[in-house]
C-alpha atoms as a PDB file:
ATOM      1  CA  UNK A   1     132.058  87.715 213.145  1.00  0.00           C
ATOM      2  CA  UNK A   2     130.122  90.921 213.170  1.00  0.00           C
ATOM      3  CA  UNK A   3     126.646  91.251 211.595  1.00  0.00           C
ATOM      4  CA  UNK A   4     124.975  94.403 210.479  1.00  0.00           C
ATOM      5  CA  UNK A   5     121.338  95.071 210.095  1.00  0.00           C
ATOM      6  CA  UNK A   6     120.432  96.379 206.662  1.00  0.00           C
ATOM      7  CA  UNK A   7     117.673  98.795 205.809  1.00  0.00           C
ATOM      8  CA  UNK A   8     114.971  98.060 203.157  1.00  0.00           C
ATOM      9  CA  UNK A   9     116.831 100.199 200.589  1.00  0.00           C
ATOM     10  CA  UNK A  10     118.354  97.250 198.725  1.00  0.00           C
ATOM     11  CA  UNK A  11     115.238  95.083 198.784  1.00  0.00           C
ATOM     12  CA  UNK A  12     114.109  96.265 195.346  1.00  0.00           C
ATOM     13  CA  UNK A  13     117.380  95.151 193.773  1.00  0.00           C
ATOM     14  CA  UNK A  14     118.147  92.046 195.727  1.00  0.00           C
ATOM     15  CA  UNK A  15     114.836  90.697 196.867  1.00  0.00           C
ATOM     16  CA  UNK A  16     116.035  87.149 196.466  1.00  0.00           C
ATOM     17  CA  UNK A  17     118.947  87.776 198.817  1.00  0.00           C
ATOM     18  CA  UNK A  18     117.066  89.719 201.445  1.00  0.00           C
ATOM     19  CA  UNK A  19     114.000  87.739 202.434  1.00  0.00           C
ATOM     20  CA  UNK A  20     113.001  89.812 205.408  1.00  0.00           C
ATOM     21  CA  UNK A  21     112.608  93.540 205.908  1.00  0.00           C
ATOM     22  CA  UNK A  22     115.334  93.660 208.558  1.00  0.00           C
ATOM     23  CA  UNK A  23     117.486  90.575 208.133  1.00  0.00           C
ATOM     24  CA  UNK A  24     121.047  90.530 209.243  1.00  0.00           C
ATOM     25  CA  UNK A  25     123.922  89.911 206.806  1.00  0.00           C
ATOM     26  CA  UNK A  26     127.665  89.758 207.197  1.00  0.00           C
ATOM     27  CA  UNK A  27     129.832  92.810 206.569  1.00  0.00           C
ATOM     28  CA  UNK A  28     131.383  91.096 203.607  1.00  0.00           C
ATOM     29  CA  UNK A  29     128.065  90.399 201.957  1.00  0.00           C
ATOM     30  CA  UNK A  30     126.845  93.887 202.709  1.00  0.00           C
ATOM     31  CA  UNK A  31     129.941  95.434 201.135  1.00  0.00           C
ATOM     32  CA  UNK A  32     129.561  93.226 198.088  1.00  0.00           C
ATOM     33  CA  UNK A  33     125.925  94.109 197.744  1.00  0.00           C
ATOM     34  CA  UNK A  34     126.654  97.775 198.116  1.00  0.00           C
ATOM     35  CA  UNK A  35     129.387  97.570 195.476  1.00  0.00           C
ATOM     36  CA  UNK A  36     126.985  95.807 193.211  1.00  0.00           C
ATOM     37  CA  UNK A  37     124.399  98.487 193.865  1.00  0.00           C
ATOM     38  CA  UNK A  38     126.907 101.218 193.074  1.00  0.00           C
ATOM     39  CA  UNK A  39     127.936  99.440 189.876  1.00  0.00           C
ATOM     40  CA  UNK A  40     124.356  98.944 188.845  1.00  0.00           C
ATOM     41  CA  UNK A  41     123.575 102.582 189.574  1.00  0.00           C
ATOM     42  CA  UNK A  42     126.501 103.692 187.459  1.00  0.00           C
ATOM     43  CA  UNK A  43     125.415 101.359 184.690  1.00  0.00           C
ATOM     44  CA  UNK A  44     121.905 102.740 184.977  1.00  0.00           C
ATOM     45  CA  UNK A  45     123.209 106.303 184.767  1.00  0.00           C
ATOM     46  CA  UNK A  46     125.381 105.378 181.785  1.00  0.00           C
ATOM     47  CA  UNK A  47     122.426 103.774 180.124  1.00  0.00           C
ATOM     48  CA  UNK A  48     120.385 106.878 180.836  1.00  0.00           C
ATOM     49  CA  UNK A  49     123.106 109.060 179.280  1.00  0.00           C
ATOM     50  CA  UNK A  50     123.243 106.761 176.267  1.00  0.00           C
ATOM     51  CA  UNK A  51     119.462 106.780 176.051  1.00  0.00           C
ATOM     52  CA  UNK A  52     119.441 110.593 176.127  1.00  0.00           C
ATOM     53  CA  UNK A  53     122.135 110.704 173.457  1.00  0.00           C
ATOM     54  CA  UNK A  54     120.225 108.211 171.320  1.00  0.00           C
ATOM     55  CA  UNK A  55     117.028 110.177 171.806  1.00  0.00           C
ATOM     56  CA  UNK A  56     118.775 113.370 170.699  1.00  0.00           C
ATOM     57  CA  UNK A  57     120.264 111.557 167.730  1.00  0.00           C
ATOM     58  CA  UNK A  58     116.837 110.156 166.933  1.00  0.00           C
ATOM     59  CA  UNK A  59     115.318 113.654 167.152  1.00  0.00           C
ATOM     60  CA  UNK A  60     118.065 115.068 164.935  1.00  0.00           C
ATOM     61  CA  UNK A  61     117.588 112.251 162.411  1.00  0.00           C
ATOM     62  CA  UNK A  62     113.829 112.716 162.404  1.00  0.00           C
ATOM     63  CA  UNK A  63     114.240 116.477 161.919  1.00  0.00           C
ATOM     64  CA  UNK A  64     116.772 115.940 159.135  1.00  0.00           C
ATOM     65  CA  UNK A  65     114.422 113.402 157.557  1.00  0.00           C
ATOM     66  CA  UNK A  66     111.490 115.823 157.795  1.00  0.00           C
ATOM     67  CA  UNK A  67     113.615 118.613 156.311  1.00  0.00           C
ATOM     68  CA  UNK A  68     114.831 116.321 153.524  1.00  0.00           C
ATOM     69  CA  UNK A  69     111.307 115.099 152.872  1.00  0.00           C
ATOM     70  CA  UNK A  70     110.017 118.665 152.744  1.00  0.00           C
ATOM     71  CA  UNK A  71     112.807 119.607 150.330  1.00  0.00           C
ATOM     72  CA  UNK A  72     112.036 116.571 148.178  1.00  0.00           C
ATOM     73  CA  UNK A  73     108.351 117.492 148.166  1.00  0.00           C
ATOM     74  CA  UNK A  74     109.226 121.030 147.111  1.00  0.00           C
ATOM     75  CA  UNK A  75     111.445 119.665 144.346  1.00  0.00           C
ATOM     76  CA  UNK A  76     108.676 117.344 143.204  1.00  0.00           C
ATOM     77  CA  UNK A  77     106.227 120.248 143.170  1.00  0.00           C
ATOM     78  CA  UNK A  78     108.703 122.337 141.164  1.00  0.00           C
ATOM     79  CA  UNK A  79     109.256 119.463 138.745  1.00  0.00           C
ATOM     80  CA  UNK A  80     105.508 118.991 138.379  1.00  0.00           C
ATOM     81  CA  UNK A  81     105.094 122.712 137.720  1.00  0.00           C
ATOM     82  CA  UNK A  82     107.944 122.622 135.186  1.00  0.00           C
ATOM     83  CA  UNK A  83     106.460 119.547 133.548  1.00  0.00           C
ATOM     84  CA  UNK A  84     103.064 121.208 133.358  1.00  0.00           C
ATOM     85  CA  UNK A  85     104.633 124.315 131.807  1.00  0.00           C
ATOM     86  CA  UNK A  86     106.620 122.174 129.374  1.00  0.00           C
ATOM     87  CA  UNK A  87     103.478 120.289 128.399  1.00  0.00           C
ATOM     88  CA  UNK A  88     101.619 123.551 127.780  1.00  0.00           C
ATOM     89  CA  UNK A  89     104.554 124.881 125.762  1.00  0.00           C
ATOM     90  CA  UNK A  90     104.723 121.628 123.806  1.00  0.00           C
ATOM     91  CA  UNK A  91     101.003 121.859 123.108  1.00  0.00           C
ATOM     92  CA  UNK A  92     101.417 125.425 121.880  1.00  0.00           C
ATOM     93  CA  UNK A  93     104.439 124.470 119.771  1.00  0.00           C
ATOM     94  CA  UNK A  94     102.500 121.584 118.254  1.00  0.00           C
ATOM     95  CA  UNK A  95      99.639 123.937 117.397  1.00  0.00           C
ATOM     96  CA  UNK A  96     102.096 126.445 115.884  1.00  0.00           C
ATOM     97  CA  UNK A  97     103.764 123.671 113.906  1.00  0.00           C
ATOM     98  CA  UNK A  98     100.434 122.489 112.537  1.00  0.00           C
ATOM     99  CA  UNK A  99      99.585 126.062 111.567  1.00  0.00           C
ATOM    100  CA  UNK A 100     102.942 126.481 109.802  1.00  0.00           C
ATOM    101  CA  UNK A 101     102.546 123.149 108.045  1.00  0.00           C
ATOM    102  CA  UNK A 102      99.147 124.252 106.804  1.00  0.00           C
ATOM    103  CA  UNK A 103     100.581 127.545 105.558  1.00  0.00           C
ATOM    104  CA  UNK A 104     103.485 125.722 103.883  1.00  0.00           C
ATOM    105  CA  UNK A 105     101.036 123.339 102.232  1.00  0.00           C
ATOM    106  CA  UNK A 106      98.999 126.322 101.060  1.00  0.00           C
ATOM    107  CA  UNK A 107     102.136 128.041  99.766  1.00  0.00           C
ATOM    108  CA  UNK A 108     103.137 124.876  97.919  1.00  0.00           C
ATOM    109  CA  UNK A 109      99.670 124.658  96.398  1.00  0.00           C
ATOM    110  CA  UNK A 110      99.940 128.250  95.170  1.00  0.00           C
ATOM    111  CA  UNK A 111     103.461 127.660  93.832  1.00  0.00           C
ATOM    112  CA  UNK A 112     102.271 124.564  91.999  1.00  0.00           C
ATOM    113  CA  UNK A 113      99.444 126.595  90.520  1.00  0.00           C
ATOM    114  CA  UNK A 114     101.907 129.309  89.561  1.00  0.00           C
ATOM    115  CA  UNK A 115     104.233 126.795  87.892  1.00  0.00           C
ATOM    116  CA  UNK A 116     101.314 125.337  85.977  1.00  0.00           C
ATOM    117  CA  UNK A 117     100.235 128.847  84.970  1.00  0.00           C
ATOM    118  CA  UNK A 118     103.761 129.677  83.772  1.00  0.00           C
ATOM    119  CA  UNK A 119     103.895 126.517  81.656  1.00  0.00           C
ATOM    120  CA  UNK A 120     100.464 127.240  80.180  1.00  0.00           C
ATOM    121  CA  UNK A 121     101.451 130.860  79.533  1.00  0.00           C
ATOM    122  CA  UNK A 122     104.677 129.834  77.825  1.00  0.00           C
ATOM    123  CA  UNK A 123     102.737 127.419  75.617  1.00  0.00           C
ATOM    124  CA  UNK A 124     100.131 130.030  74.750  1.00  0.00           C
ATOM    125  CA  UNK A 125     102.704 132.704  73.929  1.00  0.00           C
ATOM    126  CA  UNK A 126     104.850 130.258  71.979  1.00  0.00           C
ATOM    127  CA  UNK A 127     101.861 129.162  69.922  1.00  0.00           C
ATOM    128  CA  UNK A 128     100.889 132.787  69.235  1.00  0.00           C
ATOM    129  CA  UNK A 129     104.378 133.669  67.992  1.00  0.00           C
ATOM    130  CA  UNK A 130     104.981 130.669  65.756  1.00  0.00           C
ATOM    131  CA  UNK A 131     106.388 131.538  62.356  1.00  0.00           C
ATOM    132  CA  UNK A 132     108.978 134.055  63.480  1.00  0.00           C
ATOM    133  CA  UNK A 133     112.673 133.389  62.986  1.00  0.00           C
ATOM    134  CA  UNK A 134     114.077 131.625  66.064  1.00  0.00           C
ATOM    135  CA  UNK A 135     117.111 133.913  65.958  1.00  0.00           C
ATOM    136  CA  UNK A 136     114.857 136.966  66.193  1.00  0.00           C
ATOM    137  CA  UNK A 137     112.264 135.744  68.685  1.00  0.00           C
ATOM    138  CA  UNK A 138     112.628 133.262  71.508  1.00  0.00           C
ATOM    139  CA  UNK A 139     110.259 132.219  74.300  1.00  0.00           C
ATOM    140  CA  UNK A 140     111.810 130.639  77.387  1.00  0.00           C
ATOM    141  CA  UNK A 141     111.040 129.996  81.042  1.00  0.00           C
ATOM    142  CA  UNK A 142     113.603 131.185  83.593  1.00  0.00           C
ATOM    143  CA  UNK A 143     113.215 131.560  87.350  1.00  0.00           C
ATOM    144  CA  UNK A 144     109.479 130.939  87.169  1.00  0.00           C
ATOM    145  CA  UNK A 145     108.945 133.650  84.540  1.00  0.00           C
ATOM    146  CA  UNK A 146     108.270 133.612  80.815  1.00  0.00           C
ATOM    147  CA  UNK A 147     110.869 135.563  78.815  1.00  0.00           C
ATOM    148  CA  UNK A 148     109.994 136.732  75.301  1.00  0.00           C
ATOM    149  CA  UNK A 149     113.276 137.905  73.779  1.00  0.00           C
ATOM    150  CA  UNK A 150     113.060 139.948  70.568  1.00  0.00           C
ATOM    151  CA  UNK A 151     116.156 140.949  68.615  1.00  0.00           C
ATOM    152  CA  UNK A 152     116.861 144.480  67.462  1.00  0.00           C
ATOM    153  CA  UNK A 153     116.748 143.153  63.893  1.00  0.00           C
ATOM    154  CA  UNK A 154     113.090 142.205  64.341  1.00  0.00           C
ATOM    155  CA  UNK A 155     112.054 145.420  66.068  1.00  0.00           C
ATOM    156  CA  UNK A 156     114.243 148.403  65.207  1.00  0.00           C
ATOM    157  CA  UNK A 157     116.658 149.858  62.731  1.00  0.00           C
ATOM    158  CA  UNK A 158     120.021 150.805  64.214  1.00  0.00           C
ATOM    159  CA  UNK A 159     119.668 153.747  66.635  1.00  0.00           C
ATOM    160  CA  UNK A 160     115.913 154.020  66.015  1.00  0.00           C
ATOM    161  CA  UNK A 161     113.074 153.843  68.529  1.00  0.00           C
ATOM    162  CA  UNK A 162     110.360 153.205  65.937  1.00  0.00           C
ATOM    163  CA  UNK A 163     109.240 149.562  65.735  1.00  0.00           C
ATOM    164  CA  UNK A 164     109.345 147.983  62.273  1.00  0.00           C
ATOM    165  CA  UNK A 165     106.150 146.466  60.820  1.00  0.00           C
ATOM    166  CA  UNK A 166     107.380 142.888  61.402  1.00  0.00           C
ATOM    167  CA  UNK A 167     108.046 143.739  65.031  1.00  0.00           C
ATOM    168  CA  UNK A 168     104.635 145.372  65.384  1.00  0.00           C
ATOM    169  CA  UNK A 169     103.062 142.170  64.096  1.00  0.00           C
ATOM    170  CA  UNK A 170     104.875 140.104  66.725  1.00  0.00           C
ATOM    171  CA  UNK A 171     103.894 142.512  69.512  1.00  0.00           C
ATOM    172  CA  UNK A 172     100.245 142.549  68.402  1.00  0.00           C
ATOM    173  CA  UNK A 173     100.134 138.745  68.495  1.00  0.00           C
ATOM    174  CA  UNK A 174     101.728 138.759  71.937  1.00  0.00           C
ATOM    175  CA  UNK A 175      99.169 141.297  73.195  1.00  0.00           C
ATOM    176  CA  UNK A 176      96.344 139.163  71.791  1.00  0.00           C
ATOM    177  CA  UNK A 177      97.694 136.115  73.624  1.00  0.00           C
ATOM    178  CA  UNK A 178      97.865 138.056  76.903  1.00  0.00           C
ATOM    179  CA  UNK A 179      94.601 139.947  76.527  1.00  0.00           C
ATOM    180  CA  UNK A 180      92.134 139.156  79.296  1.00  0.00           C
ATOM    181  CA  UNK A 181      94.831 137.655  81.533  1.00  0.00           C
ATOM    182  CA  UNK A 182      94.933 140.163  84.371  1.00  0.00           C
ATOM    183  CA  UNK A 183      97.062 137.880  86.595  1.00  0.00           C
ATOM    184  CA  UNK A 184     100.256 138.475  84.612  1.00  0.00           C
ATOM    185  CA  UNK A 185     102.609 141.418  85.101  1.00  0.00           C
ATOM    186  CA  UNK A 186     104.370 142.517  81.893  1.00  0.00           C
ATOM    187  CA  UNK A 187     107.830 144.086  82.170  1.00  0.00           C
ATOM    188  CA  UNK A 188     109.416 145.468  78.981  1.00  0.00           C
ATOM    189  CA  UNK A 189     113.239 145.680  79.255  1.00  0.00           C
ATOM    190  CA  UNK A 190     115.304 147.440  76.609  1.00  0.00           C
ATOM    191  CA  UNK A 191     118.966 146.358  76.176  1.00  0.00           C
ATOM    192  CA  UNK A 192     121.813 147.687  74.046  1.00  0.00           C
ATOM    193  CA  UNK A 193     125.422 146.811  73.257  1.00  0.00           C
ATOM    194  CA  UNK A 194     128.357 148.972  74.333  1.00  0.00           C
ATOM    195  CA  UNK A 195     128.511 151.052  71.166  1.00  0.00           C
ATOM    196  CA  UNK A 196     127.596 154.665  72.053  1.00  0.00           C
ATOM    197  CA  UNK A 197     124.776 156.267  70.136  1.00  0.00           C
ATOM    198  CA  UNK A 198     125.673 158.795  67.499  1.00  0.00           C
ATOM    199  CA  UNK A 199     126.299 162.247  68.865  1.00  0.00           C
ATOM    200  CA  UNK A 200     123.486 164.666  68.235  1.00  0.00           C
ATOM    201  CA  UNK A 201     120.772 161.998  68.069  1.00  0.00           C
ATOM    202  CA  UNK A 202     117.549 163.899  68.872  1.00  0.00           C
ATOM    203  CA  UNK A 203     116.150 163.231  72.341  1.00  0.00           C
ATOM    204  CA  UNK A 204     118.970 160.877  73.408  1.00  0.00           C
ATOM    205  CA  UNK A 205     122.260 161.353  75.195  1.00  0.00           C
ATOM    206  CA  UNK A 206     123.339 157.733  75.713  1.00  0.00           C
ATOM    207  CA  UNK A 207     122.281 154.087  75.642  1.00  0.00           C
ATOM    208  CA  UNK A 208     120.121 154.602  78.741  1.00  0.00           C
ATOM    209  CA  UNK A 209     117.859 156.874  76.727  1.00  0.00           C
ATOM    210  CA  UNK A 210     117.874 154.503  73.763  1.00  0.00           C
ATOM    211  CA  UNK A 211     116.900 151.452  75.829  1.00  0.00           C
ATOM    212  CA  UNK A 212     114.200 153.299  77.785  1.00  0.00           C
ATOM    213  CA  UNK A 213     112.641 154.932  74.706  1.00  0.00           C
ATOM    214  CA  UNK A 214     112.531 151.597  72.871  1.00  0.00           C
ATOM    215  CA  UNK A 215     110.853 149.936  75.883  1.00  0.00           C
ATOM    216  CA  UNK A 216     108.366 152.809  76.057  1.00  0.00           C
ATOM    217  CA  UNK A 217     107.525 152.491  72.371  1.00  0.00           C
ATOM    218  CA  UNK A 218     106.929 148.747  72.746  1.00  0.00           C
ATOM    219  CA  UNK A 219     104.752 149.409  75.788  1.00  0.00           C
ATOM    220  CA  UNK A 220     102.586 151.769  73.715  1.00  0.00           C
ATOM    221  CA  UNK A 221     102.099 149.155  71.024  1.00  0.00           C
ATOM    222  CA  UNK A 222     101.108 146.517  73.592  1.00  0.00           C
ATOM    223  CA  UNK A 223      98.616 148.809  75.317  1.00  0.00           C
ATOM    224  CA  UNK A 224      97.185 150.044  72.001  1.00  0.00           C
ATOM    225  CA  UNK A 225      96.665 146.372  71.120  1.00  0.00           C
ATOM    226  CA  UNK A 226      94.510 145.890  74.189  1.00  0.00           C
ATOM    227  CA  UNK A 227      96.703 145.320  77.259  1.00  0.00           C
ATOM    228  CA  UNK A 228      95.779 147.513  80.272  1.00  0.00           C
ATOM    229  CA  UNK A 229      98.350 150.257  80.788  1.00  0.00           C
ATOM    230  CA  UNK A 230      98.616 149.396  84.504  1.00  0.00           C
ATOM    231  CA  UNK A 231      99.673 145.859  83.570  1.00  0.00           C
ATOM    232  CA  UNK A 232     102.746 146.890  81.523  1.00  0.00           C
ATOM    233  CA  UNK A 233     105.945 148.514  82.827  1.00  0.00           C
ATOM    234  CA  UNK A 234     108.717 149.834  80.525  1.00  0.00           C
ATOM    235  CA  UNK A 235     112.331 149.871  81.691  1.00  0.00           C
ATOM    236  CA  UNK A 236     115.770 150.411  80.161  1.00  0.00           C
ATOM    237  CA  UNK A 237     118.965 148.540  81.106  1.00  0.00           C
ATOM    238  CA  UNK A 238     121.287 150.049  78.466  1.00  0.00           C
ATOM    239  CA  UNK A 239     124.419 147.872  78.013  1.00  0.00           C
ATOM    240  CA  UNK A 240     124.659 146.709  81.626  1.00  0.00           C
ATOM    241  CA  UNK A 241     122.900 143.310  81.431  1.00  0.00           C
ATOM    242  CA  UNK A 242     124.523 141.634  78.418  1.00  0.00           C
ATOM    243  CA  UNK A 243     123.904 138.030  77.423  1.00  0.00           C
ATOM    244  CA  UNK A 244     127.264 137.818  75.679  1.00  0.00           C
ATOM    245  CA  UNK A 245     130.623 139.570  75.497  1.00  0.00           C
ATOM    246  CA  UNK A 246     130.600 142.716  73.387  1.00  0.00           C
ATOM    247  CA  UNK A 247     133.680 141.570  71.501  1.00  0.00           C
ATOM    248  CA  UNK A 248     132.309 140.636  68.069  1.00  0.00           C
ATOM    249  CA  UNK A 249     129.564 141.973  65.800  1.00  0.00           C
ATOM    250  CA  UNK A 250     127.570 138.759  66.301  1.00  0.00           C
ATOM    251  CA  UNK A 251     127.768 138.975  70.103  1.00  0.00           C
ATOM    252  CA  UNK A 252     126.885 142.652  70.076  1.00  0.00           C
ATOM    253  CA  UNK A 253     123.814 141.808  68.001  1.00  0.00           C
ATOM    254  CA  UNK A 254     122.754 139.320  70.702  1.00  0.00           C
ATOM    255  CA  UNK A 255     122.946 142.068  73.335  1.00  0.00           C
ATOM    256  CA  UNK A 256     120.828 144.485  71.277  1.00  0.00           C
ATOM    257  CA  UNK A 257     117.469 143.061  72.273  1.00  0.00           C
ATOM    258  CA  UNK A 258     114.194 143.680  74.067  1.00  0.00           C
ATOM    259  CA  UNK A 259     113.007 141.228  76.703  1.00  0.00           C
ATOM    260  CA  UNK A 260     109.335 141.104  77.627  1.00  0.00           C
ATOM    261  CA  UNK A 261     109.139 139.367  80.990  1.00  0.00           C
ATOM    262  CA  UNK A 262     105.798 137.822  81.964  1.00  0.00           C
ATOM    263  CA  UNK A 263     105.357 137.148  85.675  1.00  0.00           C
ATOM    264  CA  UNK A 264     102.203 135.600  87.180  1.00  0.00           C
ATOM    265  CA  UNK A 265     100.971 137.594  90.162  1.00  0.00           C
ATOM    266  CA  UNK A 266     101.517 135.956  93.549  1.00  0.00           C
ATOM    267  CA  UNK A 267      99.240 138.048  95.749  1.00  0.00           C
ATOM    268  CA  UNK A 268      97.942 134.998  97.631  1.00  0.00           C
ATOM    269  CA  UNK A 269     101.464 133.809  98.332  1.00  0.00           C
ATOM    270  CA  UNK A 270     102.543 137.232  99.576  1.00  0.00           C
ATOM    271  CA  UNK A 271      99.532 137.332 101.903  1.00  0.00           C
ATOM    272  CA  UNK A 272     100.566 134.009 103.434  1.00  0.00           C
ATOM    273  CA  UNK A 273     104.165 135.235 103.828  1.00  0.00           C
ATOM    274  CA  UNK A 274     102.929 138.391 105.561  1.00  0.00           C
ATOM    275  CA  UNK A 275     100.987 136.241 108.026  1.00  0.00           C
ATOM    276  CA  UNK A 276     104.261 134.594 109.023  1.00  0.00           C
END
């Protein structure tokens, strides 16, 4: 049997097998040891390759994690900024809402005052005009306004613009009830039926003229009785705002009327609306 002397190369791997620096082993053992060395070397290289691959994968994962974390941080910062902006907007909206609620409350207060004033005005006017025939003079509240409706029979003769004494008495009492109340606008509306005026009537061509001239005459009486001229406005509606069909003499008589519309001034309310 042949023996070979081995070098110290394999001592680090097989110290237990090679007890001396230059011991002699059989060819068979040497071949086996060398095969084992080769196998171990290959395994070591494979492990090194796998280690490198794992290290690269680890680096990629760490980079991806850092990128993801940075993105998440940016998203969180954006969300925080959005939340801060939303909170500021909500604060502003809450302040605006409180301001609007205050204005609405103020508007409601003024409207309540106006309703109370309308009721008091209706009572005062109604009391001043007691004693007149209900068919000739009516006082009502509509749409937050006081309507004093006077029939043609109380005020005028047919086709005339001169107010009869009984009508003048009613208008003087109305003026006395309104005197000193500068917070009420007075609108005098003349109304007719559909019957045309007689041809050749001096100063009039149609029912427009008749209704306007009657309203103007009533306005003069009210102002002469003490109402400021700037507080009273005459207007004529002719036959175009009837309260009944013009199909019978009785219904036509209802349409031949003068309406004095009393409206409390709402300057404060308009100021609040302008602020909005």
